[in-house]
């Protein structure tokens, strides 16, 4: 799995845990609906760390908690 896929899956996982939809996450975090949609649809595979931080703020978690997931273990090498 690449980092973009892991970020996408983690966002979806957190939304399920908190029982919120993507559009609600957009409102809570101040990240545009199109940006969130692009991340979770896989069209944007390189979300910036500042965007991830805003999403974390909206979810009420730290960035450390975001990346504290098995999804981020054994990621594929990005340079090929």
Protein backbone atom coordinates (compact mmCIF):
# COMPACT_ATOMS: atom_id res chain seq x y z
CA UNK A 1 0.00 0.00 0.00
CA UNK A 2 1.26 3.50 -0.76
CA UNK A 3 0.98 6.46 1.61
CA UNK A 4 -1.89 8.03 -0.36
CA UNK A 5 -3.98 4.88 -0.05
CA UNK A 6 -3.16 4.61 3.66
CA UNK A 7 -4.22 8.24 4.28
CA UNK A 8 -7.47 7.65 2.37
CA UNK A 9 -8.25 4.48 4.32
CA UNK A 10 -7.39 6.13 7.65
CA UNK A 11 -9.74 9.05 6.97
CA UNK A 12 -12.56 6.68 6.06
CA UNK A 13 -11.83 4.54 9.13
CA UNK A 14 -11.94 7.56 11.45
CA UNK A 15 -15.17 8.81 9.91
CA UNK A 16 -16.76 5.39 10.50
CA UNK A 17 -15.49 5.36 14.10
CA UNK A 18 -16.91 8.82 14.76
CA UNK A 19 -20.08 8.07 12.76
CA UNK A 20 -19.71 11.09 10.47
CA UNK A 21 -19.89 11.52 6.72
CA UNK A 22 -17.16 13.04 4.57
CA UNK A 23 -19.14 16.25 4.02
CA UNK A 24 -19.42 16.70 7.80
CA UNK A 25 -15.65 16.19 8.13
CA UNK A 26 -15.15 18.92 5.56
CA UNK A 27 -17.29 21.34 7.57
CA UNK A 28 -15.65 20.37 10.88
CA UNK A 29 -12.11 20.75 9.55
CA UNK A 30 -12.41 23.72 7.22
CA UNK A 31 -10.98 21.65 4.36
CA UNK A 32 -12.93 22.13 1.15
CA UNK A 33 -15.40 19.44 0.18
CA UNK A 34 -13.61 18.95 -3.15
CA UNK A 35 -10.26 18.38 -1.44
CA UNK A 36 -11.68 15.81 0.97
CA UNK A 37 -13.56 14.10 -1.86
CA UNK A 38 -10.40 13.98 -3.98
CA UNK A 39 -8.44 12.39 -1.13
CA UNK A 40 -11.02 9.72 -0.31
CA UNK A 41 -11.75 8.94 -3.97
CA UNK A 42 -8.06 8.43 -4.66
CA UNK A 43 -7.79 11.29 -7.17
CA UNK A 44 -5.44 13.09 -4.78
CA UNK A 45 -2.77 10.69 -3.51
CA UNK A 46 -0.52 13.35 -2.02
CA UNK A 47 -2.45 15.23 0.65
CA UNK A 48 -0.26 17.78 2.37
CA UNK A 49 0.60 17.40 6.02
CA UNK A 50 -1.19 20.70 6.73
CA UNK A 51 -4.39 19.29 5.17
CA UNK A 52 -4.05 16.14 7.26
CA UNK A 53 -3.50 18.30 10.36
CA UNK A 54 -6.70 20.26 9.62
CA UNK A 55 -8.61 17.01 9.21
CA UNK A 56 -7.19 15.83 12.54
CA UNK A 57 -8.26 19.08 14.20
CA UNK A 58 -11.76 18.59 12.82
CA UNK A 59 -11.83 15.02 14.11
CA UNK A 60 -10.54 16.10 17.51
CA UNK A 61 -7.42 13.95 17.33
CA UNK A 62 -3.71 14.62 17.19
CA UNK A 63 -1.62 13.99 14.13
CA UNK A 64 0.16 11.32 16.14
CA UNK A 65 -3.16 9.55 16.66
CA UNK A 66 -3.89 9.80 12.93
CA UNK A 67 -0.68 8.01 12.00
CA UNK A 68 -0.94 5.51 14.89
CA UNK A 69 -2.51 2.84 12.71
CA UNK A 70 -1.40 -0.43 11.20
CA UNK A 71 -2.22 1.12 7.81
CA UNK A 72 1.07 3.00 8.00
CA UNK A 73 3.16 -0.10 8.67
CA UNK A 74 5.11 -1.62 5.79
CA UNK A 75 4.23 1.03 3.21
CA UNK A 76 5.48 0.54 -0.34
CA UNK A 77 8.59 2.43 -1.37
CA UNK A 78 7.51 5.70 -3.01
CA UNK A 79 10.70 6.09 -5.05
CA UNK A 80 10.99 3.64 -7.86
